PDB file of N, CA and C in Angstrom:
ATOM      1  N   MET A   1       6.363  -7.684  -4.139  1.00  0.00           N
ATOM      2  CA  MET A   1       6.095  -8.569  -2.754  1.00  0.00           C
ATOM      3  C   MET A   1       5.520  -9.500  -2.739  1.00  0.00           C
ATOM      4  N   LYS A   2       6.003 -10.481  -1.659  1.00  0.00           N
ATOM      5  CA  LYS A   2       4.944 -12.364  -1.641  1.00  0.00           C
ATOM      6  C   LYS A   2       4.326 -12.096  -0.099  1.00  0.00           C
ATOM      7  N   ASN A   3       3.275 -12.512   0.306  1.00  0.00           N
ATOM      8  CA  ASN A   3       2.592 -11.951   1.565  1.00  0.00           C
ATOM      9  C   ASN A   3       1.762 -13.463   1.448  1.00  0.00           C
ATOM     10  N   PRO A   4       1.349 -13.935   2.506  1.00  0.00           N
ATOM     11  CA  PRO A   4       1.506 -14.917   2.630  1.00  0.00           C
ATOM     12  C   PRO A   4      -0.781 -15.294   1.646  1.00  0.00           C
ATOM     13  N   ILE A   5      -1.374 -13.344   1.671  1.00  0.00           N
ATOM     14  CA  ILE A   5      -2.679 -14.010   1.629  1.00  0.00           C
ATOM     15  C   ILE A   5      -2.114 -14.195   0.098  1.00  0.00           C
ATOM     16  N   GLY A   6      -1.480 -13.213  -0.838  1.00  0.00           N
ATOM     17  CA  GLY A   6      -1.535 -12.644  -1.666  1.00  0.00           C
ATOM     18  C   GLY A   6       0.159 -12.019  -2.830  1.00  0.00           C
ATOM     19  N   ILE A   7      -0.381 -11.894  -3.967  1.00  0.00           N
ATOM     20  CA  ILE A   7       1.243 -11.418  -4.151  1.00  0.00           C
ATOM     21  C   ILE A   7       0.464  -9.430  -4.680  1.00  0.00           C
ATOM     22  N   ILE A   8       1.985  -8.632  -4.429  1.00  0.00           N
ATOM     23  CA  ILE A   8       1.850  -7.804  -4.647  1.00  0.00           C
ATOM     24  C   ILE A   8       2.768  -6.900  -5.935  1.00  0.00           C
ATOM     25  N   ALA A   9       2.529  -6.285  -6.959  1.00  0.00           N
ATOM     26  CA  ALA A   9       3.063  -6.050  -7.760  1.00  0.00           C
ATOM     27  C   ALA A   9       3.086  -3.694  -7.920  1.00  0.00           C
ATOM     28  N   ALA A  10       4.452  -3.661  -7.311  1.00  0.00           N
ATOM     29  CA  ALA A  10       3.822  -1.958  -7.365  1.00  0.00           C
ATOM     30  C   ALA A  10       5.156  -1.637  -7.213  1.00  0.00           C
ATOM     31  N   GLY A  11       5.445  -0.202  -7.916  1.00  0.00           N
ATOM     32  CA  GLY A  11       6.591   0.272  -8.740  1.00  0.00           C
ATOM     33  C   GLY A  11       7.108   1.023  -7.768  1.00  0.00           C
ATOM     34  N   HIS A  12       7.242   0.917  -6.389  1.00  0.00           N
ATOM     35  CA  HIS A  12       8.057   1.676  -5.406  1.00  0.00           C
ATOM     36  C   HIS A  12       7.300   0.149  -4.046  1.00  0.00           C
ATOM     37  N   HIS A  13       8.584   0.043  -2.982  1.00  0.00           N
ATOM     38  CA  HIS A  13       8.438  -0.191  -2.540  1.00  0.00           C
ATOM     39  C   HIS A  13       7.881   0.073  -0.920  1.00  0.00           C
ATOM     40  N   ASP A  14       7.455   1.158  -0.939  1.00  0.00           N
ATOM     41  CA  ASP A  14       6.474   1.335   0.510  1.00  0.00           C
ATOM     42  C   ASP A  14       4.871   1.749  -0.115  1.00  0.00           C
ATOM     43  N   THR A  15       4.700   1.232  -1.526  1.00  0.00           N
ATOM     44  CA  THR A  15       3.691   1.075  -2.492  1.00  0.00           C
ATOM     45  C   THR A  15       3.304   0.298  -2.092  1.00  0.00           C
ATOM     46  N   ALA A  16       4.112  -1.136  -2.209  1.00  0.00           N
ATOM     47  CA  ALA A  16       3.383  -2.508  -1.744  1.00  0.00           C
ATOM     48  C   ALA A  16       3.379  -2.498  -0.514  1.00  0.00           C
ATOM     49  N   GLY A  17       3.895  -1.971   0.064  1.00  0.00           N
ATOM     50  CA  GLY A  17       4.145  -2.200   1.699  1.00  0.00           C
ATOM     51  C   GLY A  17       2.853  -1.980   2.290  1.00  0.00           C
ATOM     52  N   ALA A  18       2.958  -0.678   1.780  1.00  0.00           N
ATOM     53  CA  ALA A  18       0.909  -0.242   2.019  1.00  0.00           C
ATOM     54  C   ALA A  18      -0.164  -1.655   1.967  1.00  0.00           C
ATOM     55  N   ALA A  19      -0.427  -1.710   0.974  1.00  0.00           N
ATOM     56  CA  ALA A  19      -1.028  -2.718   0.606  1.00  0.00           C
ATOM     57  C   ALA A  19      -1.091  -3.749   1.370  1.00  0.00           C
ATOM     58  N   ALA A  20       0.363  -4.766   1.647  1.00  0.00           N
ATOM     59  CA  ALA A  20       0.535  -5.797   2.415  1.00  0.00           C
ATOM     60  C   ALA A  20       0.468  -5.861   3.813  1.00  0.00           C
ATOM     61  N   SER A  21       0.196  -4.737   4.592  1.00  0.00           N
ATOM     62  CA  SER A  21      -0.215  -3.818   5.356  1.00  0.00           C
ATOM     63  C   SER A  21      -1.336  -4.328   6.022  1.00  0.00           C
ATOM     64  N   ILE A  22      -2.500  -3.992   4.324  1.00  0.00           N
ATOM     65  CA  ILE A  22      -3.963  -3.568   4.447  1.00  0.00           C
ATOM     66  C   ILE A  22      -4.253  -5.676   4.843  1.00  0.00           C
ATOM     67  N   LEU A  23      -3.512  -6.675   3.780  1.00  0.00           N
ATOM     68  CA  LEU A  23      -3.577  -7.578   3.532  1.00  0.00           C
ATOM     69  C   LEU A  23      -3.830  -8.610   4.812  1.00  0.00           C
ATOM     70  N   GLU A  24      -2.112  -8.238   6.011  1.00  0.00           N
ATOM     71  CA  GLU A  24      -2.384  -8.826   6.906  1.00  0.00           C
ATOM     72  C   GLU A  24      -3.226  -7.985   7.453  1.00  0.00           C
ATOM     73  N   ALA A  25      -3.801  -7.297   7.586  1.00  0.00           N
ATOM     74  CA  ALA A  25      -4.389  -6.910   8.589  1.00  0.00           C
ATOM     75  C   ALA A  25      -6.352  -7.116   8.600  1.00  0.00           C
ATOM     76  N   GLY A  26      -6.113  -8.059   7.041  1.00  0.00           N
ATOM     77  CA  GLY A  26      -7.137  -8.577   7.528  1.00  0.00           C
ATOM     78  C   GLY A  26      -7.808  -8.281   6.532  1.00  0.00           C
ATOM     79  N   GLY A  27      -7.206  -7.118   5.717  1.00  0.00           N
ATOM     80  CA  GLY A  27      -7.977  -6.003   4.098  1.00  0.00           C
ATOM     81  C   GLY A  27      -8.395  -7.495   3.473  1.00  0.00           C
ATOM     82  N   ASN A  28      -9.095  -7.099   1.784  1.00  0.00           N
ATOM     83  CA  ASN A  28      -9.066  -8.059   0.824  1.00  0.00           C
ATOM     84  C   ASN A  28      -8.336  -7.313  -0.167  1.00  0.00           C
ATOM     85  N   ALA A  29      -8.498  -7.857  -1.452  1.00  0.00           N
ATOM     86  CA  ALA A  29      -7.276  -7.018  -2.531  1.00  0.00           C
ATOM     87  C   ALA A  29      -8.103  -5.715  -2.910  1.00  0.00           C
ATOM     88  N   PHE A  30      -9.657  -5.204  -2.912  1.00  0.00           N
ATOM     89  CA  PHE A  30      -9.591  -5.006  -2.819  1.00  0.00           C
ATOM     90  C   PHE A  30      -9.364  -3.496  -1.839  1.00  0.00           C
ATOM     91  N   ASP A  31      -9.241  -3.398  -1.087  1.00  0.00           N
ATOM     92  CA  ASP A  31      -8.431  -2.742  -0.199  1.00  0.00           C
ATOM     93  C   ASP A  31      -7.335  -2.677  -0.433  1.00  0.00           C
ATOM     94  N   ALA A  32      -6.823  -3.138  -0.642  1.00  0.00           N
ATOM     95  CA  ALA A  32      -5.264  -3.033  -0.315  1.00  0.00           C
ATOM     96  C   ALA A  32      -5.087  -2.603  -1.879  1.00  0.00           C
ATOM     97  N   ALA A  33      -5.213  -2.713  -3.222  1.00  0.00           N
ATOM     98  CA  ALA A  33      -5.512  -1.716  -4.041  1.00  0.00           C
ATOM     99  C   ALA A  33      -5.227  -0.150  -4.130  1.00  0.00           C
ATOM    100  N   LEU A  34      -6.252   0.006  -2.649  1.00  0.00           N
ATOM    101  CA  LEU A  34      -6.897   1.744  -2.981  1.00  0.00           C
ATOM    102  C   LEU A  34      -5.558   1.502  -1.979  1.00  0.00           C
ATOM    103  N   ALA A  35      -4.736   0.818  -1.110  1.00  0.00           N
ATOM    104  CA  ALA A  35      -3.931   1.513  -0.014  1.00  0.00           C
ATOM    105  C   ALA A  35      -2.640   1.696  -0.798  1.00  0.00           C
ATOM    106  N   ALA A  36      -2.847   0.744  -2.270  1.00  0.00           N
ATOM    107  CA  ALA A  36      -1.724   1.278  -3.111  1.00  0.00           C
ATOM    108  C   ALA A  36      -1.732   2.642  -3.993  1.00  0.00           C
ATOM    109  N   LEU A  37      -2.726   3.063  -4.217  1.00  0.00           N
ATOM    110  CA  LEU A  37      -3.468   3.607  -4.797  1.00  0.00           C
ATOM    111  C   LEU A  37      -2.724   5.764  -4.057  1.00  0.00           C
ATOM    112  N   PHE A  38      -3.474   4.713  -3.197  1.00  0.00           N
ATOM    113  CA  PHE A  38      -2.758   6.029  -2.005  1.00  0.00           C
ATOM    114  C   PHE A  38      -1.963   6.416  -1.976  1.00  0.00           C
ATOM    115  N   SER A  39      -0.963   4.901  -1.618  1.00  0.00           N
ATOM    116  CA  SER A  39       0.329   4.971  -1.212  1.00  0.00           C
ATOM    117  C   SER A  39       1.144   5.981  -2.232  1.00  0.00           C
ATOM    118  N   SER A  40       1.283   5.169  -3.429  1.00  0.00           N
ATOM    119  CA  SER A  40       1.550   6.063  -5.152  1.00  0.00           C
ATOM    120  C   SER A  40       1.258   6.856  -4.784  1.00  0.00           C
ATOM    121  N   CYS A  41       1.247   8.024  -4.732  1.00  0.00           N
ATOM    122  CA  CYS A  41       0.258   9.081  -5.129  1.00  0.00           C
ATOM    123  C   CYS A  41       1.478  10.282  -4.150  1.00  0.00           C
ATOM    124  N   VAL A  42       1.946   9.238  -3.305  1.00  0.00           N
ATOM    125  CA  VAL A  42       3.474   9.774  -2.178  1.00  0.00           C
ATOM    126  C   VAL A  42       4.460   9.832  -2.953  1.00  0.00           C
ATOM    127  N   CYS A  43       4.460   8.491  -2.939  1.00  0.00           N
ATOM    128  CA  CYS A  43       5.214   7.508  -3.252  1.00  0.00           C
ATOM    129  C   CYS A  43       6.279   8.266  -4.702  1.00  0.00           C
ATOM    130  N   GLU A  44       5.445   7.836  -5.312  1.00  0.00           N
ATOM    131  CA  GLU A  44       6.016   8.510  -6.715  1.00  0.00           C
ATOM    132  C   GLU A  44       4.410   8.703  -7.768  1.00  0.00           C
ATOM    133  N   PRO A  45       4.602  10.559  -7.229  1.00  0.00           N
ATOM    134  CA  PRO A  45       4.051  11.879  -7.804  1.00  0.00           C
ATOM    135  C   PRO A  45       4.246  11.935  -9.147  1.00  0.00           C
ATOM    136  N   VAL A  46       5.067  10.745  -9.277  1.00  0.00           N
ATOM    137  CA  VAL A  46       5.373  11.586 -11.226  1.00  0.00           C
ATOM    138  C   VAL A  46       4.603  10.717 -11.845  1.00  0.00           C
ATOM    139  N   LEU A  47       4.283   9.353 -11.454  1.00  0.00           N
ATOM    140  CA  LEU A  47       3.877   8.676 -11.964  1.00  0.00           C
ATOM    141  C   LEU A  47       1.777   8.298 -11.689  1.00  0.00           C
ATOM    142  N   SER A  48       1.804   8.201 -10.934  1.00  0.00           N
ATOM    143  CA  SER A  48       0.152   8.808  -9.928  1.00  0.00           C
ATOM    144  C   SER A  48      -0.231   9.234  -9.168  1.00  0.00           C
ATOM    145  N   SER A  49      -1.702  10.277 -10.053  1.00  0.00           N
ATOM    146  CA  SER A  49      -2.234  10.713  -8.924  1.00  0.00           C
ATOM    147  C   SER A  49      -3.808  10.263  -8.545  1.00  0.00           C
ATOM    148  N   LEU A  50      -4.412  10.874  -7.776  1.00  0.00           N
ATOM    149  CA  LEU A  50      -5.736  10.198  -7.469  1.00  0.00           C
ATOM    150  C   LEU A  50      -6.758  10.621  -8.627  1.00  0.00           C
ATOM    151  N   GLY A  51      -6.377  11.764  -9.534  1.00  0.00           N
ATOM    152  CA  GLY A  51      -7.227  13.026 -10.840  1.00  0.00           C
ATOM    153  C   GLY A  51      -6.364  11.673 -12.094  1.00  0.00           C
ATOM    154  N   GLY A  52      -5.797  11.055 -12.001  1.00  0.00           N
ATOM    155  CA  GLY A  52      -6.148   9.907 -12.943  1.00  0.00           C
ATOM    156  C   GLY A  52      -6.827   8.693 -13.426  1.00  0.00           C
ATOM    157  N   GLY A  53      -6.829   8.265 -15.103  1.00  0.00           N
ATOM    158  CA  GLY A  53      -7.450   7.483 -15.199  1.00  0.00           C
ATOM    159  C   GLY A  53      -6.493   5.822 -15.407  1.00  0.00           C
ATOM    160  N   GLY A  54      -7.129   5.267 -15.904  1.00  0.00           N
ATOM    161  CA  GLY A  54      -7.346   3.845 -15.172  1.00  0.00           C
ATOM    162  C   GLY A  54      -7.939   2.683 -15.869  1.00  0.00           C
ATOM    163  N   PHE A  55      -7.344   1.598 -15.894  1.00  0.00           N
ATOM    164  CA  PHE A  55      -8.087   0.591 -15.892  1.00  0.00           C
ATOM    165  C   PHE A  55      -8.165  -0.248 -14.394  1.00  0.00           C
ATOM    166  N   LEU A  56      -9.099  -1.309 -14.374  1.00  0.00           N
ATOM    167  CA  LEU A  56      -8.777  -2.456 -13.027  1.00  0.00           C
ATOM    168  C   LEU A  56     -10.208  -3.423 -12.891  1.00  0.00           C
ATOM    169  N   LEU A  57      -9.364  -4.301 -13.360  1.00  0.00           N
ATOM    170  CA  LEU A  57      -9.791  -6.562 -13.633  1.00  0.00           C
ATOM    171  C   LEU A  57      -9.753  -7.321 -12.445  1.00  0.00           C
ATOM    172  N   ALA A  58     -11.516  -6.980 -12.159  1.00  0.00           N
ATOM    173  CA  ALA A  58     -11.578  -7.380 -10.514  1.00  0.00           C
ATOM    174  C   ALA A  58     -12.105  -8.904 -11.087  1.00  0.00           C
ATOM    175  N   HIS A  59     -11.692  -9.921 -10.015  1.00  0.00           N
ATOM    176  CA  HIS A  59     -12.226 -11.208  -9.826  1.00  0.00           C
ATOM    177  C   HIS A  59     -12.728 -10.939  -8.677  1.00  0.00           C
ATOM    178  N   SER A  60     -14.022 -11.068  -8.473  1.00  0.00           N
ATOM    179  CA  SER A  60     -15.129 -11.382  -7.523  1.00  0.00           C
ATOM    180  C   SER A  60     -14.897 -12.803  -6.760  1.00  0.00           C
ATOM    181  N   HIS A  61     -15.406 -13.538  -5.903  1.00  0.00           N
ATOM    182  CA  HIS A  61     -14.993 -14.247  -4.868  1.00  0.00           C
ATOM    183  C   HIS A  61     -16.768 -15.210  -5.094  1.00  0.00           C
ATOM    184  N   HIS A  62     -17.265 -14.818  -6.181  1.00  0.00           N
ATOM    185  CA  HIS A  62     -18.598 -15.619  -6.290  1.00  0.00           C
ATOM    186  C   HIS A  62     -17.820 -16.331  -8.290  1.00  0.00           C
ATOM    187  N   GLY A  63     -16.532 -15.803  -8.903  1.00  0.00           N
ATOM    188  CA  GLY A  63     -16.479 -15.785  -9.934  1.00  0.00           C
ATOM    189  C   GLY A  63     -16.303 -15.612 -10.890  1.00  0.00           C
ATOM    190  N   ASN A  64     -16.823 -13.812 -10.631  1.00  0.00           N
ATOM    191  CA  ASN A  64     -17.468 -13.011 -11.983  1.00  0.00           C
ATOM    192  C   ASN A  64     -16.171 -11.870 -12.321  1.00  0.00           C
ATOM    193  N   SER A  65     -15.782 -11.625 -13.275  1.00  0.00           N
ATOM    194  CA  SER A  65     -15.498 -11.091 -13.777  1.00  0.00           C
ATOM    195  C   SER A  65     -15.578  -9.899 -14.373  1.00  0.00           C
ATOM    196  N   VAL A  66     -14.872  -8.471 -13.786  1.00  0.00           N
ATOM    197  CA  VAL A  66     -15.135  -7.689 -14.264  1.00  0.00           C
ATOM    198  C   VAL A  66     -14.946  -6.320 -15.068  1.00  0.00           C
ATOM    199  N   LEU A  67     -14.494  -5.504 -15.720  1.00  0.00           N
ATOM    200  CA  LEU A  67     -13.600  -4.961 -16.701  1.00  0.00           C
ATOM    201  C   LEU A  67     -13.771  -3.321 -15.967  1.00  0.00           C
ATOM    202  N   TYR A  68     -13.615  -2.530 -15.364  1.00  0.00           N
ATOM    203  CA  TYR A  68     -13.509  -1.498 -14.593  1.00  0.00           C
ATOM    204  C   TYR A  68     -13.157  -0.780 -16.103  1.00  0.00           C
ATOM    205  N   ASP A  69     -13.750   0.599 -16.597  1.00  0.00           N
ATOM    206  CA  ASP A  69     -12.323   1.295 -17.083  1.00  0.00           C
ATOM    207  C   ASP A  69     -13.409   3.039 -17.005  1.00  0.00           C
ATOM    208  N   PHE A  70     -12.667   3.365 -16.431  1.00  0.00           N
ATOM    209  CA  PHE A  70     -12.252   5.084 -15.537  1.00  0.00           C
ATOM    210  C   PHE A  70     -11.337   5.225 -16.201  1.00  0.00           C
ATOM    211  N   PHE A  71     -11.101   5.458 -17.153  1.00  0.00           N
ATOM    212  CA  PHE A  71      -9.735   6.284 -18.528  1.00  0.00           C
ATOM    213  C   PHE A  71     -10.561   7.674 -18.884  1.00  0.00           C
ATOM    214  N   ALA A  72      -9.694   8.098 -18.768  1.00  0.00           N
ATOM    215  CA  ALA A  72     -10.187   9.656 -19.786  1.00  0.00           C
ATOM    216  C   ALA A  72     -10.155   9.633 -21.046  1.00  0.00           C
ATOM    217  N   HIS A  73     -10.647  11.167 -21.669  1.00  0.00           N
ATOM    218  CA  HIS A  73     -11.405  11.224 -22.244  1.00  0.00           C
ATOM    219  C   HIS A  73     -11.039  12.789 -22.683  1.00  0.00           C
ATOM    220  N   THR A  74      -9.882  12.843 -23.929  1.00  0.00           N
ATOM    221  CA  THR A  74     -10.129  14.387 -24.628  1.00  0.00           C
ATOM    222  C   THR A  74     -11.112  15.199 -25.124  1.00  0.00           C
ATOM    223  N   PRO A  75     -10.362  16.033 -24.661  1.00  0.00           N
ATOM    224  CA  PRO A  75     -11.663  16.960 -24.621  1.00  0.00           C
ATOM    225  C   PRO A  75     -12.452  17.024 -26.164  1.00  0.00           C
ATOM    226  N   SER A  76     -14.025  17.242 -26.170  1.00  0.00           N
ATOM    227  CA  SER A  76     -14.154  17.454 -27.564  1.00  0.00           C
ATOM    228  C   SER A  76     -13.201  18.775 -28.678  1.00  0.00           C
ATOM    229  N   ARG A  77     -13.433  19.199 -27.956  1.00  0.00           N
ATOM    230  CA  ARG A  77     -13.360  20.701 -29.063  1.00  0.00           C
ATOM    231  C   ARG A  77     -11.328  20.893 -28.747  1.00  0.00           C
ATOM    232  N   LYS A  78     -10.479  21.084 -29.121  1.00  0.00           N
ATOM    233  CA  LYS A  78      -9.269  20.748 -29.277  1.00  0.00           C
ATOM    234  C   LYS A  78      -8.834  22.194 -28.953  1.00  0.00           C
ATOM    235  N   PRO A  79      -7.680  22.618 -28.387  1.00  0.00           N
ATOM    236  CA  PRO A  79      -7.020  24.167 -29.119  1.00  0.00           C
ATOM    237  C   PRO A  79      -5.975  24.169 -29.866  1.00  0.00           C
ATOM    238  N   PRO A  80      -5.468  24.803 -30.526  1.00  0.00           N
ATOM    239  CA  PRO A  80      -4.776  24.908 -31.517  1.00  0.00           C
ATOM    240  C   PRO A  80      -3.663  24.105 -30.374  1.00  0.00           C
ATOM    241  N   VAL A  81      -2.229  23.668 -31.821  1.00  0.00           N
ATOM    242  CA  VAL A  81      -1.146  22.858 -31.216  1.00  0.00           C
ATOM    243  C   VAL A  81      -0.224  23.996 -30.072  1.00  0.00           C
ATOM    244  N   LYS A  82      -0.403  25.401 -30.275  1.00  0.00           N
ATOM    245  CA  LYS A  82       0.124  26.313 -30.195  1.00  0.00           C
ATOM    246  C   LYS A  82      -0.288  26.999 -28.243  1.00  0.00           C
ATOM    247  N   GLU A  83      -1.272  26.645 -28.460  1.00  0.00           N
ATOM    248  CA  GLU A  83      -2.281  27.382 -27.017  1.00  0.00           C
ATOM    249  C   GLU A  83      -2.500  25.906 -26.000  1.00  0.00           C
ATOM    250  N   LEU A  84      -1.572  24.897 -26.474  1.00  0.00           N
ATOM    251  CA  LEU A  84      -1.989  23.446 -25.373  1.00  0.00           C
ATOM    252  C   LEU A  84      -0.254  23.532 -24.140  1.00  0.00           C
ATOM    253  N   ASP A  85       0.163  23.787 -24.252  1.00  0.00           N
ATOM    254  CA  ASP A  85       0.772  24.687 -22.886  1.00  0.00           C
ATOM    255  C   ASP A  85       1.311  23.550 -22.898  1.00  0.00           C
ATOM    256  N   PHE A  86       2.480  22.757 -23.623  1.00  0.00           N
ATOM    257  CA  PHE A  86       1.953  21.146 -23.351  1.00  0.00           C
ATOM    258  C   PHE A  86       4.210  21.074 -23.805  1.00  0.00           C
ATOM    259  N   TYR A  87       5.006  20.447 -22.018  1.00  0.00           N
ATOM    260  CA  TYR A  87       6.373  20.711 -22.313  1.00  0.00           C
ATOM    261  C   TYR A  87       6.640  19.513 -21.889  1.00  0.00           C
ATOM    262  N   PRO A  88       8.280  19.489 -22.891  1.00  0.00           N
ATOM    263  CA  PRO A  88       8.862  17.881 -21.550  1.00  0.00           C
ATOM    264  C   PRO A  88       9.157  18.305 -20.383  1.00  0.00           C
ATOM    265  N   ILE A  89       9.217  16.808 -19.687  1.00  0.00           N
ATOM    266  CA  ILE A  89       9.866  17.429 -18.364  1.00  0.00           C
ATOM    267  C   ILE A  89      11.047  16.152 -18.197  1.00  0.00           C
ATOM    268  N   ILE A  90      11.971  16.192 -17.291  1.00  0.00           N
ATOM    269  CA  ILE A  90      13.145  14.989 -17.242  1.00  0.00           C
ATOM    270  C   ILE A  90      12.830  14.739 -15.701  1.00  0.00           C
ATOM    271  N   ALA A  91      12.207  13.664 -15.588  1.00  0.00           N
ATOM    272  CA  ALA A  91      12.213  12.688 -13.584  1.00  0.00           C
ATOM    273  C   ALA A  91      13.078  12.112 -13.729  1.00  0.00           C
ATOM    274  N   ASP A  92      14.801  12.305 -12.741  1.00  0.00           N
ATOM    275  CA  ASP A  92      14.820  11.899 -12.281  1.00  0.00           C
ATOM    276  C   ASP A  92      14.448  10.621 -11.397  1.00  0.00           C
ATOM    277  N   PHE A  93      14.640   8.984 -12.061  1.00  0.00           N
ATOM    278  CA  PHE A  93      14.577   8.042 -10.423  1.00  0.00           C
ATOM    279  C   PHE A  93      16.212   7.905  -9.755  1.00  0.00           C
ATOM    280  N   GLY A  94      17.168   8.231 -10.301  1.00  0.00           N
ATOM    281  CA  GLY A  94      18.274   8.008  -9.286  1.00  0.00           C
ATOM    282  C   GLY A  94      18.867   6.904 -10.423  1.00  0.00           C
ATOM    283  N   ALA A  95      18.456   6.126 -10.412  1.00  0.00           N
ATOM    284  CA  ALA A  95      19.354   5.361 -11.848  1.00  0.00           C
ATOM    285  C   ALA A  95      18.886   4.668 -12.971  1.00  0.00           C
ATOM    286  N   ALA A  96      18.090   5.927 -12.711  1.00  0.00           N
ATOM    287  CA  ALA A  96      16.950   6.202 -14.614  1.00  0.00           C
ATOM    288  C   ALA A  96      16.180   7.505 -14.350  1.00  0.00           C
ATOM    289  N   GLN A  97      16.414   8.271 -15.507  1.00  0.00           N
ATOM    290  CA  GLN A  97      15.770   9.759 -15.924  1.00  0.00           C
ATOM    291  C   GLN A  97      14.657   9.336 -16.883  1.00  0.00           C
ATOM    292  N   GLN A  98      13.555   9.539 -17.123  1.00  0.00           N
ATOM    293  CA  GLN A  98      12.590   9.347 -17.977  1.00  0.00           C
ATOM    294  C   GLN A  98      11.817  10.555 -18.257  1.00  0.00           C
ATOM    295  N   GLU A  99      11.441  10.805 -19.891  1.00  0.00           N
ATOM    296  CA  GLU A  99      10.534  12.033 -19.815  1.00  0.00           C
ATOM    297  C   GLU A  99       9.244  11.702 -19.941  1.00  0.00           C
ATOM    298  N   PHE A 100       8.696  12.802 -19.185  1.00  0.00           N
ATOM    299  CA  PHE A 100       7.512  13.330 -19.306  1.00  0.00           C
ATOM    300  C   PHE A 100       7.131  14.313 -20.048  1.00  0.00           C
ATOM    301  N   HIS A 101       5.521  13.951 -20.133  1.00  0.00           N
ATOM    302  CA  HIS A 101       4.670  16.050 -20.781  1.00  0.00           C
ATOM    303  C   HIS A 101       3.791  16.503 -19.958  1.00  0.00           C
ATOM    304  N   ILE A 102       4.435  17.371 -19.392  1.00  0.00           N
ATOM    305  CA  ILE A 102       2.978  18.309 -18.898  1.00  0.00           C
ATOM    306  C   ILE A 102       2.302  19.326 -19.207  1.00  0.00           C
ATOM    307  N   GLY A 103       1.570  19.769 -18.145  1.00  0.00           N
ATOM    308  CA  GLY A 103       1.265  21.141 -18.882  1.00  0.00           C
ATOM    309  C   GLY A 103      -0.662  21.206 -19.560  1.00  0.00           C
ATOM    310  N   MET A 104      -0.845  22.273 -19.592  1.00  0.00           N
ATOM    311  CA  MET A 104      -2.474  22.224 -19.633  1.00  0.00           C
ATOM    312  C   MET A 104      -2.715  21.106 -20.513  1.00  0.00           C
ATOM    313  N   GLY A 105      -2.268  20.363 -22.146  1.00  0.00           N
ATOM    314  CA  GLY A 105      -2.294  19.767 -22.803  1.00  0.00           C
ATOM    315  C   GLY A 105      -2.047  18.218 -22.516  1.00  0.00           C
ATOM    316  N   SER A 106      -1.760  17.761 -21.165  1.00  0.00           N
ATOM    317  CA  SER A 106      -1.929  16.815 -20.596  1.00  0.00           C
ATOM    318  C   SER A 106      -2.969  16.447 -19.703  1.00  0.00           C
ATOM    319  N   ILE A 107      -4.294  17.412 -19.940  1.00  0.00           N
ATOM    320  CA  ILE A 107      -5.305  16.912 -18.976  1.00  0.00           C
ATOM    321  C   ILE A 107      -6.573  16.753 -19.827  1.00  0.00           C
ATOM    322  N   ALA A 108      -7.510  15.873 -18.671  1.00  0.00           N
ATOM    323  CA  ALA A 108      -8.146  14.631 -19.625  1.00  0.00           C
ATOM    324  C   ALA A 108      -9.587  15.350 -18.913  1.00  0.00           C
ATOM    325  N   VAL A 109     -10.470  15.031 -18.801  1.00  0.00           N
ATOM    326  CA  VAL A 109     -11.864  15.364 -18.763  1.00  0.00           C
ATOM    327  C   VAL A 109     -11.960  13.475 -18.341  1.00  0.00           C
ATOM    328  N   PRO A 110     -12.149  13.020 -17.256  1.00  0.00           N
ATOM    329  CA  PRO A 110     -13.047  12.192 -16.355  1.00  0.00           C
ATOM    330  C   PRO A 110     -13.798  11.608 -17.417  1.00  0.00           C
TER     331      PRO A 110
END
């Protein structure tokens, strides 16, 4: 989605729209990114959550770049495979389907 203030890339139109609304109201890129995050939890709950991990490459108006690493770690003591409770589901996106794995075996430590 193009906006006079910036360009927004998102997996769902409403997620991009939330970010665009923040920019249009005078918010900055970080404000827009947070709006997109919260919106994506509603618009794309299979792909996004507030408890998920990730990376954020930020560039300040002072010219400094910072990489924020908030990716999750697997537990140091792993249970036996048969106890993982880890199984596939198919998410139907209309025009496409994708397999995801859910269950206790998909949980990590923030």
